[in-house]
Amino acid sequence: MASMCGRMALRAAARQNVTYQSVRTCKMMNDPMEHATGIEKRELLLKAAGNDNPFDMKVFKRGAGTKENPNLIPSAFDARIVGCICEEDQTYVQWMWLQKGNQKRCECGHWFKLVEKAAV
């Protein structure tokens, strides 16, 4: 039925010298960057600039962690909470607060130190 109505409309248009143009509208959503605001927009801008970890939320692999060579933890603040999984098969995280200027030793013996990182 729809194809028959379409053919009839085309015939009527041809008789009256009416031109027609096929129009196809695409209703896709705009770029998310245009709609984002606040911290979400800041995150999208940093990811577009090539920073895939804008808030330092990825897991750090522990190094040697000696008192002379501690694991360096970046922070834009004076303190940061850090979780240490002391043993490979451990089922909980050992949490501790690191303060700027002080090294801290976890219960497993690894040392951690807070280093300054510029705020984003």
N, C-alpha and C. Protein backbone atom coordinates (compact mmCIF):
# COMPACT_ATOMS: atom_id res chain seq x y z
N MET A 1 0.82 -1.20 0.00
CA MET A 1 0.00 0.00 0.00
C MET A 1 0.86 1.26 0.00
N ALA A 2 1.90 1.26 0.84
CA ALA A 2 2.76 2.43 0.91
C ALA A 2 3.50 2.65 -0.39
N SER A 3 3.94 1.57 -1.03
CA SER A 3 4.67 1.72 -2.29
C SER A 3 3.73 2.23 -3.39
N MET A 4 2.47 1.83 -3.34
CA MET A 4 1.50 2.29 -4.33
C MET A 4 1.22 3.79 -4.16
N CYS A 5 1.11 4.24 -2.92
CA CYS A 5 0.90 5.67 -2.66
C CYS A 5 2.10 6.48 -3.12
N GLY A 6 3.29 5.94 -2.91
CA GLY A 6 4.50 6.62 -3.35
C GLY A 6 4.56 6.76 -4.85
N ARG A 7 4.19 5.69 -5.57
CA ARG A 7 4.18 5.75 -7.04
C ARG A 7 3.16 6.76 -7.55
N MET A 8 2.02 6.82 -6.89
CA MET A 8 0.98 7.77 -7.31
C MET A 8 1.45 9.20 -7.10
N ALA A 9 2.15 9.45 -6.01
CA ALA A 9 2.65 10.79 -5.75
C ALA A 9 3.71 11.19 -6.77
N LEU A 10 4.55 10.24 -7.17
CA LEU A 10 5.57 10.53 -8.18
C LEU A 10 4.94 10.83 -9.53
N ARG A 11 3.91 10.09 -9.90
CA ARG A 11 3.22 10.34 -11.17
C ARG A 11 2.56 11.71 -11.17
N ALA A 12 1.93 12.06 -10.07
CA ALA A 12 1.27 13.37 -9.98
C ALA A 12 2.29 14.49 -10.07
N ALA A 13 3.43 14.29 -9.44
CA ALA A 13 4.48 15.31 -9.48
C ALA A 13 5.04 15.44 -10.89
N ALA A 14 5.17 14.35 -11.61
CA ALA A 14 5.70 14.40 -12.97
C ALA A 14 4.75 15.13 -13.90
N ARG A 15 3.45 14.99 -13.70
CA ARG A 15 2.46 15.67 -14.56
C ARG A 15 2.45 17.17 -14.32
N GLN A 16 2.74 17.61 -13.12
CA GLN A 16 2.64 19.04 -12.79
C GLN A 16 4.01 19.72 -12.80
N ASN A 17 5.04 19.06 -13.32
CA ASN A 17 6.39 19.60 -13.38
C ASN A 17 6.90 20.05 -12.00
N VAL A 18 6.62 19.26 -11.01
CA VAL A 18 7.10 19.53 -9.66
C VAL A 18 8.39 18.75 -9.45
N THR A 19 9.40 19.43 -8.94
CA THR A 19 10.64 18.72 -8.65
C THR A 19 10.61 18.25 -7.20
N TYR A 20 11.27 17.19 -6.95
CA TYR A 20 11.35 16.67 -5.59
C TYR A 20 12.78 16.23 -5.32
N GLN A 21 13.12 16.20 -4.07
CA GLN A 21 14.46 15.78 -3.68
C GLN A 21 14.33 14.82 -2.51
N SER A 22 15.09 13.78 -2.58
CA SER A 22 15.08 12.81 -1.50
C SER A 22 15.88 13.38 -0.32
N VAL A 23 15.23 13.44 0.83
CA VAL A 23 15.89 13.97 2.02
C VAL A 23 15.98 12.85 3.05
N ARG A 24 17.15 12.71 3.59
CA ARG A 24 17.35 11.69 4.61
C ARG A 24 17.91 12.37 5.85
N THR A 25 17.20 12.28 6.91
CA THR A 25 17.66 12.92 8.13
C THR A 25 18.30 11.88 9.03
N CYS A 26 19.39 12.26 9.63
CA CYS A 26 20.10 11.39 10.55
C CYS A 26 19.96 11.98 11.94
N LYS A 27 19.37 11.26 12.84
CA LYS A 27 19.12 11.77 14.19
C LYS A 27 20.10 11.17 15.19
N MET A 28 21.39 11.38 14.94
CA MET A 28 22.40 10.89 15.87
C MET A 28 22.64 11.93 16.95
N MET A 29 23.09 11.47 18.09
CA MET A 29 23.38 12.37 19.20
C MET A 29 24.65 13.14 18.92
N ASN A 30 24.68 14.38 19.35
CA ASN A 30 25.85 15.22 19.15
C ASN A 30 27.02 14.70 19.97
N ASP A 31 28.15 15.34 19.77
CA ASP A 31 29.38 14.99 20.49
C ASP A 31 29.16 15.14 21.99
N PRO A 32 29.55 14.15 22.81
CA PRO A 32 29.36 14.24 24.27
C PRO A 32 30.11 15.42 24.88
N MET A 33 31.18 15.89 24.22
CA MET A 33 31.95 17.02 24.74
C MET A 33 31.09 18.29 24.77
N GLU A 34 30.15 18.41 23.84
CA GLU A 34 29.29 19.59 23.80
C GLU A 34 28.29 19.61 24.95
N HIS A 35 27.93 18.45 25.47
CA HIS A 35 26.91 18.36 26.51
C HIS A 35 27.50 18.27 27.92
N ALA A 36 28.76 17.91 28.02
CA ALA A 36 29.38 17.70 29.33
C ALA A 36 29.65 19.03 30.02
N THR A 37 29.58 19.01 31.34
CA THR A 37 29.90 20.20 32.13
C THR A 37 30.69 19.77 33.36
N GLY A 38 31.32 20.71 33.99
CA GLY A 38 32.00 20.47 35.26
C GLY A 38 33.13 19.48 35.16
N ILE A 39 33.20 18.61 36.15
CA ILE A 39 34.31 17.66 36.25
C ILE A 39 34.28 16.64 35.11
N GLU A 40 33.10 16.30 34.61
CA GLU A 40 33.01 15.37 33.48
C GLU A 40 33.65 15.97 32.24
N LYS A 41 33.41 17.27 31.99
CA LYS A 41 34.01 17.93 30.84
C LYS A 41 35.52 18.00 30.99
N ARG A 42 35.98 18.28 32.21
CA ARG A 42 37.42 18.34 32.47
C ARG A 42 38.07 16.98 32.19
N GLU A 43 37.40 15.92 32.60
CA GLU A 43 37.91 14.58 32.34
C GLU A 43 37.96 14.28 30.84
N LEU A 44 36.92 14.63 30.10
CA LEU A 44 36.90 14.40 28.66
C LEU A 44 37.97 15.21 27.94
N LEU A 45 38.20 16.45 28.37
CA LEU A 45 39.24 17.28 27.76
C LEU A 45 40.63 16.70 28.02
N LEU A 46 40.86 16.22 29.24
CA LEU A 46 42.16 15.63 29.55
C LEU A 46 42.39 14.34 28.78
N LYS A 47 41.35 13.53 28.62
CA LYS A 47 41.48 12.30 27.85
C LYS A 47 41.72 12.60 26.38
N ALA A 48 41.08 13.66 25.85
CA ALA A 48 41.30 14.06 24.46
C ALA A 48 42.72 14.58 24.26
N ALA A 49 43.31 15.15 25.31
CA ALA A 49 44.68 15.66 25.23
C ALA A 49 45.71 14.54 25.38
N GLY A 50 45.27 13.32 25.67
CA GLY A 50 46.18 12.19 25.74
C GLY A 50 46.45 11.67 27.14
N ASN A 51 45.82 12.25 28.16
CA ASN A 51 46.00 11.79 29.53
C ASN A 51 44.93 10.74 29.83
N ASP A 52 45.29 9.47 29.81
CA ASP A 52 44.30 8.41 30.02
C ASP A 52 44.03 8.14 31.50
N ASN A 53 44.73 8.82 32.39
CA ASN A 53 44.53 8.65 33.83
C ASN A 53 44.48 10.02 34.50
N PRO A 54 43.45 10.83 34.20
CA PRO A 54 43.46 12.22 34.67
C PRO A 54 43.35 12.39 36.18
N PHE A 55 42.82 11.44 36.90
CA PHE A 55 42.64 11.59 38.35
C PHE A 55 43.51 10.64 39.14
N ASP A 56 44.53 10.04 38.53
CA ASP A 56 45.45 9.10 39.18
C ASP A 56 44.70 8.00 39.93
N MET A 57 43.77 7.36 39.26
CA MET A 57 42.97 6.32 39.89
C MET A 57 43.43 4.91 39.50
N LYS A 58 44.39 4.81 38.60
CA LYS A 58 44.85 3.49 38.20
C LYS A 58 45.73 2.88 39.28
N VAL A 59 45.84 1.58 39.24
CA VAL A 59 46.62 0.84 40.23
C VAL A 59 48.11 1.01 39.93
N PHE A 60 48.89 1.29 40.96
CA PHE A 60 50.35 1.36 40.84
C PHE A 60 50.92 0.00 41.20
N LYS A 61 51.92 -0.43 40.48
CA LYS A 61 52.64 -1.65 40.84
C LYS A 61 53.70 -1.27 41.87
N ARG A 62 53.72 -2.02 42.93
CA ARG A 62 54.69 -1.78 44.00
C ARG A 62 56.09 -2.09 43.51
N GLY A 63 57.03 -1.23 43.90
CA GLY A 63 58.44 -1.47 43.57
C GLY A 63 59.13 -2.12 44.76
N ALA A 64 60.41 -1.82 44.90
CA ALA A 64 61.20 -2.39 45.99
C ALA A 64 60.64 -1.94 47.34
N GLY A 65 60.34 -0.66 47.47
CA GLY A 65 59.70 -0.15 48.67
C GLY A 65 60.59 -0.17 49.90
N THR A 66 61.88 0.11 49.72
CA THR A 66 62.77 0.18 50.87
C THR A 66 62.71 1.59 51.47
N LYS A 67 63.31 1.77 52.63
CA LYS A 67 63.30 3.08 53.27
C LYS A 67 64.09 4.09 52.44
N GLU A 68 65.16 3.64 51.79
CA GLU A 68 65.98 4.52 50.95
C GLU A 68 65.33 4.77 49.59
N ASN A 69 64.53 3.83 49.12
CA ASN A 69 63.89 3.93 47.81
C ASN A 69 62.40 3.57 47.95
N PRO A 70 61.59 4.47 48.54
CA PRO A 70 60.18 4.13 48.78
C PRO A 70 59.35 4.18 47.49
N ASN A 71 58.18 3.57 47.54
CA ASN A 71 57.22 3.69 46.44
C ASN A 71 56.67 5.11 46.45
N LEU A 72 56.78 5.82 45.32
CA LEU A 72 56.35 7.20 45.23
C LEU A 72 54.89 7.26 44.78
N ILE A 73 54.08 7.95 45.57
CA ILE A 73 52.64 8.08 45.31
C ILE A 73 52.36 9.55 45.01
N PRO A 74 51.90 9.90 43.79
CA PRO A 74 51.63 11.30 43.46
C PRO A 74 50.32 11.79 44.08
N SER A 75 50.31 13.07 44.48
CA SER A 75 49.10 13.66 45.04
C SER A 75 49.18 15.18 44.91
N ALA A 76 48.04 15.80 44.63
CA ALA A 76 47.96 17.26 44.58
C ALA A 76 47.57 17.83 45.93
N PHE A 77 47.41 16.97 46.93
CA PHE A 77 46.98 17.39 48.26
C PHE A 77 48.04 17.04 49.29
N ASP A 78 47.83 17.45 50.53
CA ASP A 78 48.79 17.20 51.60
C ASP A 78 48.70 15.78 52.15
N ALA A 79 47.65 15.06 51.82
CA ALA A 79 47.47 13.69 52.31
C ALA A 79 46.72 12.87 51.26
N ARG A 80 46.93 11.57 51.30
CA ARG A 80 46.22 10.68 50.38
C ARG A 80 46.10 9.31 51.04
N ILE A 81 44.97 8.66 50.83
CA ILE A 81 44.79 7.31 51.36
C ILE A 81 45.30 6.33 50.31
N VAL A 82 46.04 5.33 50.78
CA VAL A 82 46.67 4.36 49.88
C VAL A 82 46.32 2.96 50.37
N GLY A 83 46.03 2.09 49.43
CA GLY A 83 45.75 0.70 49.76
C GLY A 83 46.88 -0.19 49.29
N CYS A 84 47.30 -1.11 50.14
CA CYS A 84 48.38 -2.04 49.82
C CYS A 84 47.85 -3.47 49.94
N ILE A 85 48.02 -4.24 48.88
CA ILE A 85 47.69 -5.66 48.93
C ILE A 85 49.01 -6.36 49.21
N CYS A 86 49.21 -6.70 50.47
CA CYS A 86 50.52 -7.15 50.95
C CYS A 86 50.95 -8.48 50.35
N GLU A 87 50.04 -9.43 50.21
CA GLU A 87 50.37 -10.74 49.65
C GLU A 87 49.51 -10.98 48.42
N GLU A 88 50.01 -11.78 47.51
CA GLU A 88 49.33 -12.02 46.24
C GLU A 88 47.93 -12.61 46.41
N ASP A 89 47.75 -13.52 47.35
CA ASP A 89 46.45 -14.18 47.54
C ASP A 89 45.62 -13.56 48.66
N GLN A 90 45.99 -12.38 49.09
CA GLN A 90 45.26 -11.69 50.16
C GLN A 90 43.88 -11.26 49.68
N THR A 91 42.88 -11.39 50.51
CA THR A 91 41.51 -11.07 50.11
C THR A 91 41.03 -9.72 50.63
N TYR A 92 41.89 -8.91 51.21
CA TYR A 92 41.52 -7.58 51.69
C TYR A 92 42.65 -6.61 51.39
N VAL A 93 42.34 -5.33 51.48
CA VAL A 93 43.32 -4.28 51.22
C VAL A 93 43.70 -3.63 52.54
N GLN A 94 44.98 -3.43 52.75
CA GLN A 94 45.49 -2.75 53.94
C GLN A 94 45.55 -1.25 53.62
N TRP A 95 44.66 -0.45 54.22
CA TRP A 95 44.57 0.98 53.94
C TRP A 95 45.41 1.77 54.94
N MET A 96 46.00 2.88 54.45
CA MET A 96 46.77 3.77 55.33
C MET A 96 46.77 5.17 54.73
N TRP A 97 46.93 6.16 55.59
CA TRP A 97 47.02 7.55 55.17
C TRP A 97 48.48 7.93 55.01
N LEU A 98 48.82 8.57 53.88
CA LEU A 98 50.15 9.12 53.68
C LEU A 98 50.06 10.63 53.84
N GLN A 99 50.98 11.19 54.62
CA GLN A 99 51.05 12.63 54.82
C GLN A 99 52.24 13.17 54.04
N LYS A 100 52.10 14.39 53.53
CA LYS A 100 53.17 15.03 52.78
C LYS A 100 54.40 15.21 53.67
N GLY A 101 55.57 14.84 53.16
CA GLY A 101 56.82 15.01 53.90
C GLY A 101 57.20 13.83 54.77
N ASN A 102 56.31 12.87 54.97
CA ASN A 102 56.60 11.71 55.82
C ASN A 102 56.54 10.43 54.99
N GLN A 103 57.46 9.53 55.27
CA GLN A 103 57.39 8.20 54.69
C GLN A 103 56.59 7.31 55.65
N LYS A 104 55.91 6.33 55.09
CA LYS A 104 55.13 5.44 55.94
C LYS A 104 55.40 4.00 55.53
N ARG A 105 55.48 3.13 56.52
CA ARG A 105 55.73 1.71 56.29
C ARG A 105 54.44 0.93 56.47
N CYS A 106 54.14 0.10 55.50
CA CYS A 106 52.97 -0.78 55.59
C CYS A 106 53.32 -1.94 56.52
N GLU A 107 52.29 -2.68 56.95
CA GLU A 107 52.51 -3.84 57.81
C GLU A 107 53.35 -4.92 57.14
N CYS A 108 53.34 -4.94 55.80
CA CYS A 108 54.12 -5.96 55.07
C CYS A 108 55.58 -5.56 54.92
N GLY A 109 55.94 -4.32 55.26
CA GLY A 109 57.33 -3.89 55.20
C GLY A 109 57.66 -2.95 54.06
N HIS A 110 56.75 -2.70 53.14
CA HIS A 110 57.00 -1.78 52.04
C HIS A 110 56.82 -0.34 52.51
N TRP A 111 57.70 0.54 52.02
CA TRP A 111 57.65 1.95 52.37
C TRP A 111 56.99 2.75 51.25
N PHE A 112 56.26 3.80 51.62
CA PHE A 112 55.56 4.66 50.68
C PHE A 112 55.85 6.12 51.03
N LYS A 113 55.89 6.95 49.99
CA LYS A 113 56.14 8.38 50.20
C LYS A 113 55.26 9.17 49.23
N LEU A 114 54.67 10.23 49.73
CA LEU A 114 53.82 11.10 48.92
C LEU A 114 54.71 12.12 48.19
N VAL A 115 54.53 12.26 46.89
CA VAL A 115 55.25 13.26 46.13
C VAL A 115 54.23 14.22 45.52
N GLU A 116 54.64 15.46 45.35
CA GLU A 116 53.72 16.48 44.86
C GLU A 116 53.50 16.33 43.36
N LYS A 117 52.26 16.48 42.97
CA LYS A 117 51.88 16.47 41.56
C LYS A 117 50.98 17.68 41.35
N ALA A 118 51.19 18.38 40.26
CA ALA A 118 50.39 19.57 39.97
C ALA A 118 48.93 19.19 39.82
N ALA A 119 48.07 20.02 40.36
CA ALA A 119 46.62 19.80 40.25
C ALA A 119 46.20 19.99 38.80
N VAL A 120 45.22 19.22 38.37
CA VAL A 120 44.73 19.30 36.99
C VAL A 120 43.63 20.30 36.89
